[in-house]
Amino acid sequence: MTATRPPPVDRLLRVGPEAFDGRRLLRPGVWAVAFLADWCPYCRQFAPDFAELAGPGRELAVADLSDDDGPLWERFEVEIVPSVIVFRDGEAVLRIDGRPMEGLRSEDLQRVDRVLGGT
């Protein structure tokens, strides 16, 4: 992934707890959701690479876990950020949690890409 132009991180759908309660993410289709926190340096490093996965027919979202008491931490048993969950027809089909002191790797993004229908 290149760093020559800023990826469209700000254009990714931002979701909160209500998005998982029915209409938006628990619906037909495939979604990749990155669980990020603004205080996390690994999240800031990962977010642009995640946004590069965006494209026609690919739906990406960012769940903001900047609030340590936010309900998504417990609901999805997130213990470390960044983490990514890919949902297909409302069911989690892939989950990749960040590693302590490292975050997520490029091969993690490649796995997400394959599940989203990449090569």
N, C-alpha and C. Protein backbone atom coordinates (compact mmCIF):
# COMPACT_ATOMS: atom_id res chain seq x y z
N MET A 1 0.84 -1.16 0.00
CA MET A 1 0.00 0.00 0.00
C MET A 1 0.90 1.24 0.00
N THR A 2 0.52 2.21 -0.76
CA THR A 2 1.36 3.38 -0.89
C THR A 2 0.93 4.48 0.05
N ALA A 3 1.87 5.36 0.36
CA ALA A 3 1.57 6.49 1.22
C ALA A 3 1.69 7.79 0.45
N THR A 4 1.65 7.74 -0.89
CA THR A 4 1.84 8.93 -1.69
C THR A 4 0.63 9.85 -1.68
N ARG A 5 -0.55 9.32 -1.51
CA ARG A 5 -1.74 10.16 -1.41
C ARG A 5 -2.54 9.71 -0.19
N PRO A 6 -3.17 10.63 0.48
CA PRO A 6 -3.94 10.22 1.65
C PRO A 6 -5.16 9.42 1.24
N PRO A 7 -5.36 8.23 1.81
CA PRO A 7 -6.53 7.43 1.50
C PRO A 7 -7.79 8.06 2.10
N PRO A 8 -8.94 7.62 1.66
CA PRO A 8 -10.20 8.25 2.08
C PRO A 8 -10.70 7.79 3.44
N VAL A 9 -9.84 7.85 4.46
CA VAL A 9 -10.24 7.38 5.79
C VAL A 9 -11.47 8.14 6.27
N ASP A 10 -11.50 9.44 6.05
CA ASP A 10 -12.62 10.24 6.54
C ASP A 10 -13.91 9.95 5.80
N ARG A 11 -13.83 9.31 4.66
CA ARG A 11 -15.05 8.99 3.91
C ARG A 11 -15.62 7.62 4.28
N LEU A 12 -14.91 6.86 5.10
CA LEU A 12 -15.44 5.56 5.52
C LEU A 12 -16.61 5.78 6.47
N LEU A 13 -17.58 4.90 6.39
CA LEU A 13 -18.73 4.96 7.27
C LEU A 13 -18.28 4.82 8.72
N ARG A 14 -18.72 5.71 9.56
CA ARG A 14 -18.45 5.64 11.01
C ARG A 14 -19.68 5.02 11.66
N VAL A 15 -19.47 3.99 12.44
CA VAL A 15 -20.61 3.32 13.07
C VAL A 15 -20.47 3.30 14.58
N GLY A 16 -21.61 3.35 15.23
CA GLY A 16 -21.68 3.23 16.67
C GLY A 16 -22.45 1.98 17.05
N PRO A 17 -22.72 1.79 18.31
CA PRO A 17 -23.40 0.57 18.77
C PRO A 17 -24.74 0.34 18.09
N GLU A 18 -25.46 1.41 17.78
CA GLU A 18 -26.78 1.26 17.17
C GLU A 18 -26.72 0.61 15.79
N ALA A 19 -25.60 0.74 15.11
CA ALA A 19 -25.47 0.16 13.76
C ALA A 19 -25.49 -1.36 13.79
N PHE A 20 -25.13 -1.94 14.91
CA PHE A 20 -25.09 -3.40 15.02
C PHE A 20 -26.41 -3.97 15.51
N ASP A 21 -27.37 -3.11 15.77
CA ASP A 21 -28.63 -3.56 16.35
C ASP A 21 -29.74 -3.69 15.33
N GLY A 22 -29.41 -3.97 14.11
CA GLY A 22 -30.48 -4.19 13.15
C GLY A 22 -30.15 -3.80 11.74
N ARG A 23 -30.49 -2.60 11.38
CA ARG A 23 -30.58 -2.24 9.99
C ARG A 23 -29.28 -2.17 9.22
N ARG A 24 -28.21 -1.70 9.78
CA ARG A 24 -27.06 -1.38 8.94
C ARG A 24 -26.10 -2.53 8.72
N LEU A 25 -25.50 -3.04 9.76
CA LEU A 25 -24.46 -4.05 9.56
C LEU A 25 -24.99 -5.47 9.63
N LEU A 26 -26.08 -5.67 10.31
CA LEU A 26 -26.63 -7.02 10.40
C LEU A 26 -27.65 -7.21 9.29
N ARG A 27 -27.16 -7.20 8.07
CA ARG A 27 -27.99 -7.29 6.89
C ARG A 27 -27.25 -8.09 5.83
N PRO A 28 -27.91 -8.43 4.73
CA PRO A 28 -27.22 -9.19 3.67
C PRO A 28 -26.02 -8.43 3.13
N GLY A 29 -25.00 -9.18 2.75
CA GLY A 29 -23.80 -8.58 2.17
C GLY A 29 -22.60 -8.76 3.05
N VAL A 30 -21.47 -8.25 2.57
CA VAL A 30 -20.20 -8.38 3.29
C VAL A 30 -19.72 -7.00 3.69
N TRP A 31 -19.34 -6.87 4.95
CA TRP A 31 -18.81 -5.63 5.51
C TRP A 31 -17.53 -5.95 6.27
N ALA A 32 -16.58 -5.06 6.19
CA ALA A 32 -15.39 -5.14 7.05
C ALA A 32 -15.45 -3.93 7.98
N VAL A 33 -15.33 -4.20 9.27
CA VAL A 33 -15.38 -3.14 10.27
C VAL A 33 -14.07 -3.11 11.03
N ALA A 34 -13.41 -1.96 11.02
CA ALA A 34 -12.19 -1.78 11.80
C ALA A 34 -12.57 -1.13 13.13
N PHE A 35 -12.17 -1.74 14.21
CA PHE A 35 -12.39 -1.20 15.54
C PHE A 35 -11.13 -0.44 15.93
N LEU A 36 -11.25 0.90 16.02
CA LEU A 36 -10.11 1.78 16.21
C LEU A 36 -10.36 2.73 17.37
N ALA A 37 -9.28 3.30 17.89
CA ALA A 37 -9.37 4.34 18.92
C ALA A 37 -8.42 5.47 18.55
N ASP A 38 -8.86 6.71 18.75
CA ASP A 38 -8.03 7.83 18.34
C ASP A 38 -6.75 7.96 19.17
N TRP A 39 -6.70 7.38 20.35
CA TRP A 39 -5.52 7.46 21.20
C TRP A 39 -4.49 6.37 20.88
N CYS A 40 -4.81 5.48 19.95
CA CYS A 40 -3.96 4.33 19.64
C CYS A 40 -3.04 4.62 18.44
N PRO A 41 -1.73 4.64 18.65
CA PRO A 41 -0.82 4.90 17.53
C PRO A 41 -0.87 3.82 16.46
N TYR A 42 -1.14 2.59 16.83
CA TYR A 42 -1.23 1.50 15.85
C TYR A 42 -2.49 1.66 14.99
N CYS A 43 -3.55 2.19 15.59
CA CYS A 43 -4.78 2.45 14.83
C CYS A 43 -4.54 3.54 13.80
N ARG A 44 -3.86 4.61 14.21
CA ARG A 44 -3.57 5.70 13.27
C ARG A 44 -2.71 5.21 12.11
N GLN A 45 -1.84 4.28 12.37
CA GLN A 45 -0.99 3.72 11.33
C GLN A 45 -1.79 2.77 10.43
N PHE A 46 -2.69 2.01 11.01
CA PHE A 46 -3.46 1.01 10.29
C PHE A 46 -4.60 1.61 9.45
N ALA A 47 -5.25 2.65 9.94
CA ALA A 47 -6.45 3.19 9.30
C ALA A 47 -6.27 3.53 7.82
N PRO A 48 -5.21 4.20 7.41
CA PRO A 48 -5.06 4.49 5.98
C PRO A 48 -4.93 3.23 5.12
N ASP A 49 -4.23 2.23 5.60
CA ASP A 49 -4.10 0.98 4.85
C ASP A 49 -5.45 0.26 4.76
N PHE A 50 -6.22 0.28 5.83
CA PHE A 50 -7.56 -0.31 5.81
C PHE A 50 -8.43 0.40 4.78
N ALA A 51 -8.36 1.73 4.76
CA ALA A 51 -9.17 2.51 3.83
C ALA A 51 -8.82 2.21 2.38
N GLU A 52 -7.59 1.79 2.12
CA GLU A 52 -7.17 1.45 0.76
C GLU A 52 -7.92 0.23 0.22
N LEU A 53 -8.55 -0.56 1.10
CA LEU A 53 -9.33 -1.71 0.66
C LEU A 53 -10.66 -1.29 0.04
N ALA A 54 -11.05 -0.04 0.23
CA ALA A 54 -12.32 0.45 -0.30
C ALA A 54 -12.32 0.39 -1.82
N GLY A 55 -13.48 0.15 -2.36
CA GLY A 55 -13.63 0.10 -3.81
C GLY A 55 -15.04 -0.29 -4.17
N PRO A 56 -15.33 -0.36 -5.45
CA PRO A 56 -16.68 -0.73 -5.89
C PRO A 56 -17.10 -2.09 -5.31
N GLY A 57 -18.27 -2.11 -4.72
CA GLY A 57 -18.80 -3.35 -4.16
C GLY A 57 -18.20 -3.74 -2.82
N ARG A 58 -17.35 -2.88 -2.26
CA ARG A 58 -16.73 -3.17 -0.96
C ARG A 58 -17.21 -2.16 0.06
N GLU A 59 -17.73 -2.67 1.14
CA GLU A 59 -18.24 -1.79 2.16
C GLU A 59 -17.37 -1.91 3.41
N LEU A 60 -16.80 -0.78 3.80
CA LEU A 60 -15.94 -0.71 4.97
C LEU A 60 -16.54 0.26 5.98
N ALA A 61 -16.28 0.00 7.23
CA ALA A 61 -16.75 0.90 8.28
C ALA A 61 -15.70 0.97 9.37
N VAL A 62 -15.78 2.03 10.15
CA VAL A 62 -14.91 2.23 11.30
C VAL A 62 -15.79 2.36 12.53
N ALA A 63 -15.51 1.55 13.54
CA ALA A 63 -16.18 1.65 14.83
C ALA A 63 -15.21 2.33 15.79
N ASP A 64 -15.59 3.48 16.30
CA ASP A 64 -14.72 4.27 17.17
C ASP A 64 -14.79 3.74 18.60
N LEU A 65 -13.66 3.25 19.09
CA LEU A 65 -13.58 2.74 20.46
C LEU A 65 -12.73 3.67 21.33
N SER A 66 -12.72 4.95 20.99
CA SER A 66 -11.91 5.91 21.75
C SER A 66 -12.38 6.04 23.19
N ASP A 67 -13.65 5.80 23.44
CA ASP A 67 -14.20 5.83 24.79
C ASP A 67 -13.98 4.46 25.42
N ASP A 68 -13.15 4.41 26.44
CA ASP A 68 -12.83 3.13 27.09
C ASP A 68 -14.05 2.44 27.69
N ASP A 69 -15.13 3.18 27.91
CA ASP A 69 -16.34 2.60 28.48
C ASP A 69 -17.42 2.35 27.43
N GLY A 70 -17.08 2.50 26.15
CA GLY A 70 -18.06 2.30 25.09
C GLY A 70 -18.55 0.87 25.05
N PRO A 71 -19.81 0.65 24.67
CA PRO A 71 -20.41 -0.69 24.71
C PRO A 71 -19.84 -1.66 23.68
N LEU A 72 -19.21 -1.19 22.62
CA LEU A 72 -18.69 -2.11 21.61
C LEU A 72 -17.50 -2.91 22.11
N TRP A 73 -16.74 -2.38 23.07
CA TRP A 73 -15.63 -3.15 23.64
C TRP A 73 -16.13 -4.49 24.16
N GLU A 74 -17.17 -4.42 24.97
CA GLU A 74 -17.69 -5.64 25.59
C GLU A 74 -18.50 -6.47 24.61
N ARG A 75 -19.31 -5.81 23.83
CA ARG A 75 -20.18 -6.55 22.91
C ARG A 75 -19.39 -7.44 21.95
N PHE A 76 -18.25 -6.95 21.45
CA PHE A 76 -17.44 -7.72 20.51
C PHE A 76 -16.17 -8.27 21.16
N GLU A 77 -16.11 -8.20 22.48
CA GLU A 77 -14.99 -8.75 23.24
C GLU A 77 -13.65 -8.26 22.69
N VAL A 78 -13.60 -6.97 22.39
CA VAL A 78 -12.37 -6.36 21.89
C VAL A 78 -11.45 -6.11 23.08
N GLU A 79 -10.26 -6.65 23.00
CA GLU A 79 -9.29 -6.46 24.06
C GLU A 79 -8.12 -5.60 23.62
N ILE A 80 -7.97 -5.46 22.31
CA ILE A 80 -6.87 -4.67 21.78
C ILE A 80 -7.32 -4.04 20.46
N VAL A 81 -6.88 -2.83 20.24
CA VAL A 81 -7.14 -2.16 18.97
C VAL A 81 -5.81 -1.91 18.28
N PRO A 82 -5.79 -1.92 16.97
CA PRO A 82 -6.91 -2.14 16.07
C PRO A 82 -7.29 -3.62 15.98
N SER A 83 -8.55 -3.84 15.69
CA SER A 83 -9.08 -5.16 15.38
C SER A 83 -10.02 -5.00 14.20
N VAL A 84 -10.19 -6.06 13.43
CA VAL A 84 -11.08 -6.04 12.28
C VAL A 84 -11.98 -7.26 12.34
N ILE A 85 -13.27 -7.03 12.07
CA ILE A 85 -14.22 -8.12 11.94
C ILE A 85 -14.90 -7.96 10.59
N VAL A 86 -14.96 -9.06 9.84
CA VAL A 86 -15.68 -9.07 8.57
C VAL A 86 -16.99 -9.82 8.81
N PHE A 87 -18.09 -9.17 8.43
CA PHE A 87 -19.43 -9.74 8.58
C PHE A 87 -19.95 -10.14 7.20
N ARG A 88 -20.55 -11.31 7.13
CA ARG A 88 -21.26 -11.73 5.92
C ARG A 88 -22.67 -12.07 6.34
N ASP A 89 -23.63 -11.39 5.74
CA ASP A 89 -25.05 -11.60 6.06
C ASP A 89 -25.30 -11.53 7.57
N GLY A 90 -24.62 -10.58 8.21
CA GLY A 90 -24.84 -10.34 9.63
C GLY A 90 -24.05 -11.22 10.57
N GLU A 91 -23.30 -12.17 10.05
CA GLU A 91 -22.51 -13.08 10.89
C GLU A 91 -21.03 -12.78 10.72
N ALA A 92 -20.29 -12.80 11.80
CA ALA A 92 -18.84 -12.60 11.72
C ALA A 92 -18.21 -13.83 11.06
N VAL A 93 -17.46 -13.59 9.98
CA VAL A 93 -16.81 -14.69 9.26
C VAL A 93 -15.29 -14.63 9.37
N LEU A 94 -14.77 -13.50 9.81
CA LEU A 94 -13.33 -13.35 10.01
C LEU A 94 -13.11 -12.30 11.08
N ARG A 95 -12.23 -12.61 11.99
CA ARG A 95 -11.85 -11.67 13.04
C ARG A 95 -10.34 -11.70 13.16
N ILE A 96 -9.75 -10.51 13.14
CA ILE A 96 -8.31 -10.40 13.33
C ILE A 96 -8.07 -9.33 14.37
N ASP A 97 -7.49 -9.74 15.49
CA ASP A 97 -7.18 -8.81 16.56
C ASP A 97 -5.73 -8.36 16.45
N GLY A 98 -5.51 -7.10 16.79
CA GLY A 98 -4.16 -6.57 16.79
C GLY A 98 -3.28 -7.29 17.79
N ARG A 99 -2.00 -7.13 17.60
CA ARG A 99 -1.02 -7.73 18.51
C ARG A 99 -0.48 -6.65 19.43
N PRO A 100 -0.24 -6.98 20.70
CA PRO A 100 0.32 -5.98 21.61
C PRO A 100 1.64 -5.42 21.06
N MET A 101 1.76 -4.13 21.15
CA MET A 101 2.97 -3.40 20.74
C MET A 101 3.27 -3.55 19.25
N GLU A 102 2.26 -3.95 18.45
CA GLU A 102 2.49 -4.13 17.02
C GLU A 102 1.27 -3.75 16.19
N GLY A 103 0.08 -4.03 16.65
CA GLY A 103 -1.12 -3.77 15.87
C GLY A 103 -1.39 -4.87 14.88
N LEU A 104 -1.77 -4.50 13.67
CA LEU A 104 -2.06 -5.46 12.61
C LEU A 104 -0.99 -5.37 11.54
N ARG A 105 -0.80 -6.48 10.83
CA ARG A 105 0.25 -6.57 9.82
C ARG A 105 -0.35 -6.52 8.42
N SER A 106 0.50 -6.36 7.42
CA SER A 106 0.03 -6.32 6.04
C SER A 106 -0.63 -7.65 5.65
N GLU A 107 -0.14 -8.77 6.15
CA GLU A 107 -0.78 -10.03 5.82
C GLU A 107 -2.18 -10.14 6.42
N ASP A 108 -2.44 -9.41 7.51
CA ASP A 108 -3.80 -9.36 8.06
C ASP A 108 -4.72 -8.65 7.09
N LEU A 109 -4.26 -7.56 6.52
CA LEU A 109 -5.05 -6.84 5.51
C LEU A 109 -5.28 -7.70 4.27
N GLN A 110 -4.31 -8.49 3.91
CA GLN A 110 -4.46 -9.38 2.76
C GLN A 110 -5.56 -10.41 3.01
N ARG A 111 -5.65 -10.91 4.24
CA ARG A 111 -6.71 -11.86 4.58
C ARG A 111 -8.08 -11.18 4.48
N VAL A 112 -8.18 -9.96 4.98
CA VAL A 112 -9.44 -9.20 4.88
C VAL A 112 -9.79 -9.00 3.42
N ASP A 113 -8.80 -8.62 2.62
CA ASP A 113 -8.99 -8.39 1.19
C ASP A 113 -9.56 -9.63 0.51
N ARG A 114 -9.02 -10.79 0.83
CA ARG A 114 -9.49 -12.05 0.22
C ARG A 114 -10.96 -12.32 0.59
N VAL A 115 -11.31 -12.10 1.84
CA VAL A 115 -12.68 -12.35 2.27
C VAL A 115 -13.65 -11.36 1.62
N LEU A 116 -13.18 -10.14 1.38
CA LEU A 116 -14.01 -9.14 0.70
C LEU A 116 -14.15 -9.40 -0.79
N GLY A 117 -13.39 -10.37 -1.30
CA GLY A 117 -13.50 -10.70 -2.70
C GLY A 117 -12.33 -10.24 -3.54
N GLY A 118 -11.20 -9.97 -2.89
CA GLY A 118 -10.00 -9.60 -3.62
C GLY A 118 -9.31 -10.81 -4.19
N THR A 119 -8.17 -10.58 -4.77
CA THR A 119 -7.42 -11.69 -5.38
C THR A 119 -6.45 -12.28 -4.40
